[in-house]
Every structure is written in C-alpha cells, then in structure tokens.
Amino acid sequence: MKPYRYVLVGCGGISGAWLKPLAEMPEAVCAGLVDINRDAAERRKQEFGLTDAVTGTHLASMLRKVKPALVFDCTVPEAHIKVARTAFAAGCHVLCEKPLADTMAHAATMLKAAAAADRVHAIIQNRRFDPHARRVQSLLHDGVIGRLHTVYSDFFIGAHFGGFRDRMLHVLLLDMAIHTFDAARLLTGCDPVAVLAHEWNPPGSWYDHHASASAQFEMTNSVVYGYRGSWCSEGLNTTWESAWRFIGDQGSMSWDGRDGVRIQQVSGTEGFIRPLADIEPPPVPAMTWQGHGGVIHDFLESLGSGKQPETVSTDNVKSLAMVHAAIKSAGSGRRVVIPPLA
C-alpha cells in the first residue's frame, strides 16, 4: 500500500509534537507545510529533514498543488472550521489538534461537513494514549471497585506561560480542561448529562481572567464527576493528568496521573467501617505509540481498516460540550443540561 501523503497546516510550537512521531511512520509522507509565516514552515522543513515537502502560506492553493490524502491541522482553535471546510472540499481526511472547535456551533458545522464529504475527521486527545490511563480504564471496566458511582479529579499547577494565555477568557476551562474532561469520559465510559460550574480568578493571579474553576457533572449510568482545577496555584502541583479518586459500591481507587495507583476493596460485612483489603494493580500495559503518536497512528490505521478512530469528532464533540456547558453554567450560576450528541 502506498503511504498517505499529508499537508500539515500551522507550523508553530505544537507541530513538533506531530512531526516527531510522523518521522517514524512510513505510512505517512509529508507533501506540504503551510503557515501564515512562511519562515515557520521552512524551519520545520529543515528541522525534520522534509526535503520533498513544499512550503506555502495558503492551504487551498497547497491542496490544489500537491493533492494530498490527509490534512493535519495544528492551527489555533478559531481557524479549525476554515481548515476543515477547505480540506473536506479538496477530498482530504482531517486530523485536528484539540479542541475540535472554538464554539459548539462551529463544531456542529464541521461534523456536518465531514459527513457530507464522507471523510474521516478526528481530534488529537493525546492523554487517551497514555498507558497509565489505560491501566486505570481497564481496572474500572473490570469492576475492581464494584459499580462506579462517584469520580473526582484535581488539577492544580502554577503555570507561568506568558503570552496569549495570560490574556485569555476562561483560560483553564477553555484551554486545558478539555484534556481532563475527555479523560473522565475515557476512564468511566460515561457521557455528560448536565453540569453546575463556577470559575474565578484568585488574588495574586497573573492571569487577566478566571484561572480557577470547579464543576460537578451528572454523567450517564448515574455517575457523578467532580472537577477542581487551577492554573495559578503555587506549590503541591498535581501531574498534568490530574489526581483522581474513583468510588464504587465495593471500594475505592486513587490515581496520581502517573504510575501511582492505590486500590482498596471491601473485604467484610461487619463493623462501623467495613474491613478493607489492599489490591495490587497489574503492571502498566505496553504501548508502542503514545501521546500524539498514538492518536496519529490510530487515525492512520482507521483509514486502512475502515474502523472509526477512537477520537473521531462525532464522539469527541461530547468532551467539547462539557467545556462549553461548564463555561455557560459558570456564567449563569445555573445547572446546564447537555443534550445528547451524535
């Protein structure tokens, strides 16, 4: 089978996280690099030795010139809808950096465009391809703590980015929480039903707008998921994958976002506090492709097999809906219902 030829659009910082694993995937060949700053495209071309790639500043012109099968979208969220429409019109499949879109309306338009063009459209959710997360997912699926009913995640990092994030509205919920919300869906196997959220900017914050938030989601299967987070909390930082607690009717499990998993199961039926047994978790599973590489590899495999990629946009839109519903709830102070999505 001939390799898929691709054009990558948006040659800023995040594009390196794509091009590094792509360099090890012979099933994908770079035909072009596009950026509004041509020098950025040229730098990526030189950095990754993409000698046969054409560089340019205009996506539609590039697609007409090199006629690729795929477009990899590393642009800012506001540009995703234009990139997707242009790519679908040229007959390309699209893999896009998170989040799917800047608004739910744009997301709906993109999903319709992908369906009309009969093209595969998927989103980078690199935390799904983390072997530590897969271990936790497997344990919950196997019922190690019985029937899951309550989940909490804590995300606390004092992140001094500088630049656009310091000025950004809803910086935590809009720019970061998509990772944690999508992980909650992955780990629990549940989808959002409703949310009540609050966001604020604490004293001493170096952000212009709300950098802290809490949210309580009602999920399918009668699961309640509570999120707490801040990007301006100094000290005692969690991992980027958050610190988690899962509570079932037969025990509890904690996960620190890395390799720290602790499980206790109820082991008796007597006593004010029932006796508990510590359960040793299984080893972390081996994964050849992780992070961005895992998502990209899954996407490429889906094109050959006909199976949907795990992060297909028709599913990932549910994670995006959690973000925008939380923002809406925080703004209104009211519970927001999240309607069923495709």
Protein backbone atom coordinates (compact mmCIF):
# COMPACT_ATOMS: atom_id res chain seq x y z
CA MET A 1 0.00 0.00 0.00
CA LYS A 2 1.29 3.44 -0.90
CA PRO A 3 1.83 5.80 2.05
CA TYR A 4 -0.68 8.54 2.71
CA ARG A 5 0.54 11.96 1.61
CA TYR A 6 -0.29 14.75 4.02
CA VAL A 7 -0.17 18.50 4.36
CA LEU A 8 0.40 19.93 7.83
CA VAL A 9 -1.03 23.40 8.42
CA GLY A 10 0.13 25.50 11.35
CA CYS A 11 3.87 25.19 11.96
CA GLY A 12 4.03 26.67 15.44
CA GLY A 13 5.22 25.02 18.64
CA ILE A 14 2.70 22.16 18.78
CA SER A 15 3.54 20.97 15.26
CA GLY A 16 6.77 19.46 16.59
CA ALA A 17 4.72 17.03 18.71
CA TRP A 18 3.17 15.81 15.44
CA LEU A 19 6.20 15.79 13.17
CA LYS A 20 8.40 13.86 15.59
CA PRO A 21 6.26 10.67 15.63
CA LEU A 22 5.33 11.13 11.97
CA ALA A 23 9.04 10.86 11.12
CA GLU A 24 8.85 7.26 12.38
CA MET A 25 5.70 6.33 10.45
CA PRO A 26 6.48 5.22 6.89
CA GLU A 27 2.75 5.04 6.15
CA ALA A 28 2.63 8.86 6.10
CA VAL A 29 4.72 11.17 3.91
CA CYS A 30 4.79 14.95 4.17
CA ALA A 31 3.81 16.62 0.90
CA GLY A 32 3.49 20.16 2.20
CA LEU A 33 3.80 22.52 5.16
CA VAL A 34 1.58 25.59 5.45
CA ASP A 35 1.81 28.56 7.81
CA ILE A 36 0.84 32.22 7.57
CA ASN A 37 4.52 32.81 8.38
CA ARG A 38 6.40 31.00 5.61
CA ASP A 39 9.61 31.08 7.65
CA ALA A 40 7.93 28.88 10.28
CA ALA A 41 7.12 26.30 7.61
CA GLU A 42 10.66 26.45 6.26
CA ARG A 43 12.11 25.96 9.75
CA ARG A 44 10.02 22.83 10.30
CA LYS A 45 11.02 21.53 6.86
CA GLN A 46 14.69 21.89 7.72
CA GLU A 47 14.36 20.65 11.31
CA PHE A 48 12.70 17.37 10.30
CA GLY A 49 14.54 16.85 7.01
CA LEU A 50 11.36 17.04 4.91
CA THR A 51 13.27 17.70 1.72
CA ASP A 52 10.42 16.82 -0.65
CA ALA A 53 7.80 18.92 1.16
CA VAL A 54 6.50 22.09 -0.46
CA THR A 55 6.07 25.11 1.82
CA GLY A 56 3.43 27.81 1.47
CA THR A 57 1.15 30.28 3.21
CA HIS A 58 -2.23 29.34 1.68
CA LEU A 59 -3.88 25.99 2.40
CA ALA A 60 -6.31 25.84 -0.53
CA SER A 61 -3.53 26.60 -3.02
CA MET A 62 -1.31 23.97 -1.40
CA LEU A 63 -4.02 21.32 -1.63
CA ARG A 64 -4.60 22.06 -5.31
CA LYS A 65 -0.86 21.83 -5.93
CA VAL A 66 0.12 18.65 -4.07
CA LYS A 67 -3.26 16.81 -3.85
CA PRO A 68 -2.69 15.03 -0.51
CA ALA A 69 -4.99 12.47 1.10
CA LEU A 70 -4.74 14.00 4.57
CA VAL A 71 -4.62 17.36 6.29
CA PHE A 72 -3.12 17.65 9.77
CA ASP A 73 -4.45 20.80 11.44
CA CYS A 74 -2.17 22.41 14.04
CA THR A 75 -3.73 25.86 13.81
CA VAL A 76 -5.42 27.85 16.59
CA PRO A 77 -8.97 26.75 17.54
CA GLU A 78 -10.61 29.70 15.77
CA ALA A 79 -9.13 28.53 12.46
CA HIS A 80 -10.21 24.89 12.70
CA ILE A 81 -13.54 25.39 10.95
CA LYS A 82 -11.96 27.07 7.92
CA VAL A 83 -9.21 24.45 7.68
CA ALA A 84 -11.72 21.61 7.92
CA ARG A 85 -14.02 23.04 5.25
CA THR A 86 -11.10 23.66 2.91
CA ALA A 87 -9.72 20.17 3.45
CA PHE A 88 -13.05 18.40 3.01
CA ALA A 89 -13.73 20.38 -0.17
CA ALA A 90 -10.42 19.04 -1.51
CA GLY A 91 -11.38 15.46 -0.60
CA CYS A 92 -8.99 15.15 2.36
CA HIS A 93 -9.39 13.36 5.66
CA VAL A 94 -8.57 15.59 8.66
CA LEU A 95 -6.84 15.07 11.99
CA CYS A 96 -7.03 18.22 14.09
CA GLU A 97 -5.30 19.50 17.21
CA LYS A 98 -7.56 19.85 20.24
CA PRO A 99 -10.04 21.34 20.81
CA LEU A 100 -12.37 20.32 18.00
CA ALA A 101 -13.66 23.89 17.60
CA ASP A 102 -13.86 27.24 19.33
CA THR A 103 -17.68 27.05 19.61
CA MET A 104 -20.30 24.32 19.63
CA ALA A 105 -21.92 25.89 16.55
CA HIS A 106 -18.66 25.61 14.62
CA ALA A 107 -18.25 22.04 15.84
CA ALA A 108 -21.69 21.12 14.50
CA THR A 109 -20.87 22.68 11.14
CA MET A 110 -17.62 20.73 10.92
CA LEU A 111 -19.31 17.43 11.74
CA LYS A 112 -21.90 18.04 9.02
CA ALA A 113 -19.17 18.94 6.52
CA ALA A 114 -17.22 15.76 7.29
CA ALA A 115 -20.33 13.63 6.86
CA ALA A 116 -21.29 15.34 3.60
CA ALA A 117 -17.78 14.81 2.21
CA ASP A 118 -17.64 11.24 3.56
CA ARG A 119 -14.25 11.99 5.09
CA VAL A 120 -12.74 10.87 8.40
CA HIS A 121 -12.44 13.69 10.93
CA ALA A 122 -10.68 13.11 14.25
CA ILE A 123 -9.16 15.15 17.07
CA ILE A 124 -5.89 14.93 19.00
CA GLN A 125 -6.65 13.80 22.55
CA ASN A 126 -3.15 12.63 23.41
CA ARG A 127 -3.95 11.69 27.03
CA ARG A 128 -6.06 8.78 25.77
CA PHE A 129 -2.88 7.12 24.54
CA ASP A 130 -1.20 7.03 27.95
CA PRO A 131 -0.52 3.51 29.28
CA HIS A 132 -1.14 4.65 32.86
CA ALA A 133 -4.61 5.89 31.90
CA ARG A 134 -5.29 2.65 30.03
CA ARG A 135 -4.45 0.66 33.15
CA VAL A 136 -6.96 2.66 35.21
CA GLN A 137 -9.58 2.36 32.48
CA SER A 138 -9.13 -1.42 32.41
CA LEU A 139 -9.40 -1.74 36.19
CA LEU A 140 -12.64 0.23 36.28
CA HIS A 141 -14.05 -1.70 33.33
CA ASP A 142 -13.25 -4.98 35.11
CA GLY A 143 -15.16 -3.82 38.22
CA VAL A 144 -12.23 -3.77 40.65
CA ILE A 145 -14.22 -1.43 42.95
CA GLY A 146 -17.66 -2.68 42.01
CA ARG A 147 -20.17 -0.39 40.39
CA LEU A 148 -18.65 3.06 39.89
CA HIS A 149 -20.80 5.92 41.14
CA THR A 150 -18.53 8.90 42.00
CA VAL A 151 -15.37 10.34 40.43
CA TYR A 152 -13.20 13.32 41.41
CA SER A 153 -10.25 14.88 39.64
CA ASP A 154 -7.93 17.62 40.91
CA PHE A 155 -5.75 19.68 38.58
CA PHE A 156 -3.51 22.23 40.32
CA ILE A 157 -0.48 23.68 38.55
CA GLY A 158 1.11 27.12 38.86
CA ALA A 159 1.66 27.60 35.13
CA HIS A 160 3.51 30.80 34.14
CA PHE A 161 3.07 30.69 30.37
CA GLY A 162 3.30 34.34 29.49
CA GLY A 163 1.85 35.32 26.15
CA PHE A 164 -1.72 34.86 24.95
CA ARG A 165 -2.90 32.56 27.76
CA ASP A 166 -2.37 35.32 30.33
CA ARG A 167 -4.98 37.40 28.48
CA MET A 168 -7.38 34.57 27.58
CA LEU A 169 -11.01 34.35 28.72
CA HIS A 170 -11.92 31.11 30.57
CA VAL A 171 -8.26 30.11 30.26
CA LEU A 172 -8.47 26.97 32.41
CA LEU A 173 -11.81 25.65 31.21
CA LEU A 174 -11.31 26.52 27.55
CA ASP A 175 -7.64 25.70 27.07
CA MET A 176 -6.89 22.86 29.49
CA ALA A 177 -9.99 21.24 30.98
CA ILE A 178 -10.81 19.51 27.68
CA HIS A 179 -7.99 17.04 28.50
CA THR A 180 -9.35 16.20 31.94
CA PHE A 181 -12.99 16.08 30.82
CA ASP A 182 -12.12 13.79 27.92
CA ALA A 183 -10.10 11.59 30.28
CA ALA A 184 -13.14 11.35 32.57
CA ARG A 185 -15.18 10.05 29.64
CA LEU A 186 -12.45 7.58 28.69
CA LEU A 187 -11.93 6.23 32.20
CA THR A 188 -15.58 5.93 33.19
CA GLY A 189 -17.13 5.05 29.84
CA CYS A 190 -19.81 7.66 30.62
CA ASP A 191 -21.04 10.74 28.78
CA PRO A 192 -22.17 14.11 30.21
CA VAL A 193 -25.80 14.84 31.07
CA ALA A 194 -25.66 18.16 32.98
CA VAL A 195 -23.23 20.42 34.87
CA LEU A 196 -23.13 23.07 37.60
CA ALA A 197 -19.89 25.06 37.49
CA HIS A 198 -18.13 28.06 38.99
CA GLU A 199 -14.97 29.88 37.90
CA TRP A 200 -12.98 32.68 39.49
CA ASN A 201 -9.64 34.48 39.46
CA PRO A 202 -7.98 34.30 42.88
CA PRO A 203 -5.98 37.15 44.46
CA GLY A 204 -2.42 37.22 43.18
CA SER A 205 -3.33 35.61 39.87
CA TRP A 206 -1.10 36.54 36.95
CA TYR A 207 -3.96 35.87 34.53
CA ASP A 208 -6.39 38.59 33.43
CA HIS A 209 -9.42 36.32 33.71
CA HIS A 210 -10.68 33.24 35.52
CA ALA A 211 -7.85 30.75 36.01
CA SER A 212 -9.58 28.57 38.63
CA ALA A 213 -12.76 26.51 38.32
CA SER A 214 -14.88 23.79 39.83
CA ALA A 215 -17.60 21.77 38.14
CA GLN A 216 -19.92 18.94 39.06
CA PHE A 217 -21.13 16.84 36.17
CA GLU A 218 -24.01 14.42 36.09
CA MET A 219 -22.98 11.59 33.78
CA THR A 220 -24.73 8.62 32.23
CA ASN A 221 -25.01 5.42 34.31
CA SER A 222 -25.83 7.63 37.34
CA VAL A 223 -22.16 8.59 37.79
CA VAL A 224 -21.31 11.97 39.36
CA TYR A 225 -18.00 13.55 38.33
CA GLY A 226 -16.46 16.44 40.25
CA TYR A 227 -13.67 18.60 38.79
CA ARG A 228 -11.47 21.07 40.65
CA GLY A 229 -8.70 22.96 38.94
CA SER A 230 -6.41 25.97 38.86
CA TRP A 231 -3.60 27.22 36.68
CA CYS A 232 -2.45 29.72 39.30
CA SER A 233 -1.94 27.51 42.37
CA GLU A 234 1.65 27.68 43.57
CA GLY A 235 3.06 24.57 45.22
CA LEU A 236 1.93 20.95 45.65
CA ASN A 237 1.38 20.67 41.91
CA THR A 238 -0.56 17.70 40.58
CA THR A 239 0.52 15.95 37.41
CA TRP A 240 -0.75 17.32 34.11
CA GLU A 241 -3.04 14.28 34.01
CA SER A 242 -4.64 15.32 37.35
CA ALA A 243 -5.06 13.40 40.61
CA TRP A 244 -8.10 11.12 40.64
CA ARG A 245 -10.37 9.29 43.07
CA PHE A 246 -12.88 6.69 41.93
CA ILE A 247 -15.55 5.40 44.33
CA GLY A 248 -17.59 2.27 43.73
CA ASP A 249 -20.01 0.25 45.81
CA GLN A 250 -17.24 -2.25 46.67
CA GLY A 251 -14.23 0.01 47.21
CA SER A 252 -12.18 2.97 46.02
CA MET A 253 -9.20 3.64 43.79
CA SER A 254 -6.85 6.63 43.58
CA TRP A 255 -4.54 7.54 40.71
CA ASP A 256 -1.92 10.30 40.74
CA GLY A 257 -1.85 10.66 36.94
CA ARG A 258 1.40 8.74 36.61
CA ASP A 259 2.20 5.27 37.96
CA GLY A 260 0.72 5.74 41.44
CA VAL A 261 -2.44 3.62 41.76
CA ARG A 262 -3.91 2.52 45.08
CA ILE A 263 -6.95 0.23 45.38
CA GLN A 264 -8.92 -0.84 48.43
CA GLN A 265 -11.80 -3.32 48.27
CA VAL A 266 -14.38 -4.02 50.96
CA SER A 267 -13.42 -7.41 52.44
CA GLY A 268 -16.08 -7.96 55.12
CA THR A 269 -19.65 -7.22 56.13
CA GLU A 270 -19.23 -6.15 59.78
CA GLY A 271 -18.02 -3.08 61.65
CA PHE A 272 -18.69 0.66 61.69
CA ILE A 273 -16.10 0.96 58.93
CA ARG A 274 -16.01 -2.25 56.95
CA PRO A 275 -12.67 -4.09 56.72
CA LEU A 276 -10.67 -3.27 53.61
CA ALA A 277 -8.13 -5.19 51.56
CA ASP A 278 -5.37 -3.52 49.55
CA ILE A 279 -5.31 -4.74 45.95
CA GLU A 280 -2.10 -4.72 43.93
CA PRO A 281 -2.71 -3.17 40.50
CA PRO A 282 -1.46 -5.00 37.40
CA PRO A 283 1.62 -3.76 35.55
CA VAL A 284 1.30 -0.76 33.26
CA PRO A 285 0.46 -2.11 29.78
CA ALA A 286 2.96 -1.76 26.97
CA MET A 287 2.02 0.74 24.26
CA THR A 288 4.16 1.16 21.16
CA TRP A 289 2.63 4.51 20.25
CA GLN A 290 1.80 7.01 22.97
CA GLY A 291 0.60 10.62 23.19
CA HIS A 292 0.33 12.41 19.87
CA GLY A 293 1.93 9.45 18.15
CA GLY A 294 -0.79 7.17 19.49
CA VAL A 295 -3.58 9.35 18.14
CA ILE A 296 -1.90 9.78 14.76
CA HIS A 297 -1.19 6.06 14.42
CA ASP A 298 -4.77 5.19 15.38
CA PHE A 299 -6.04 7.68 12.77
CA LEU A 300 -3.86 6.22 10.02
CA GLU A 301 -4.87 2.67 10.93
CA SER A 302 -8.54 3.64 10.78
CA LEU A 303 -8.16 4.76 7.16
CA GLY A 304 -6.90 1.33 6.16
CA SER A 305 -9.30 -0.73 8.29
CA GLY A 306 -12.49 1.26 7.82
CA LYS A 307 -12.97 1.43 11.62
CA GLN A 308 -13.60 4.78 13.23
CA PRO A 309 -10.60 6.26 15.04
CA GLU A 310 -11.02 6.45 18.80
CA THR A 311 -11.00 10.25 18.74
CA VAL A 312 -13.44 10.66 15.84
CA SER A 313 -15.11 14.07 16.00
CA THR A 314 -18.63 12.65 16.36
CA ASP A 315 -17.53 11.24 19.73
CA ASN A 316 -15.06 13.93 20.77
CA VAL A 317 -17.73 16.61 20.46
CA LYS A 318 -19.14 15.26 23.75
CA SER A 319 -15.93 16.29 25.54
CA LEU A 320 -16.09 19.72 23.91
CA ALA A 321 -19.70 20.03 25.07
CA MET A 322 -18.55 19.56 28.67
CA VAL A 323 -16.22 22.55 28.32
CA HIS A 324 -18.78 24.91 26.85
CA ALA A 325 -21.56 23.78 29.19
CA ALA A 326 -19.28 24.40 32.17
CA ILE A 327 -18.48 27.91 30.89
CA LYS A 328 -22.18 28.60 30.36
CA SER A 329 -23.06 27.33 33.83
CA ALA A 330 -20.31 29.39 35.45
CA GLY A 331 -21.57 32.49 33.68
CA SER A 332 -25.20 31.96 34.66
CA GLY A 333 -24.77 30.32 38.05
CA ARG A 334 -27.25 27.67 36.96
CA ARG A 335 -27.24 23.97 36.14
CA VAL A 336 -26.88 23.45 32.39
CA VAL A 337 -28.29 20.39 30.64
CA ILE A 338 -26.05 18.86 27.96
CA PRO A 339 -28.25 17.38 25.21
CA PRO A 340 -27.36 14.01 23.65
CA LEU A 341 -24.88 14.41 20.81
CA ALA A 342 -24.01 12.27 17.79
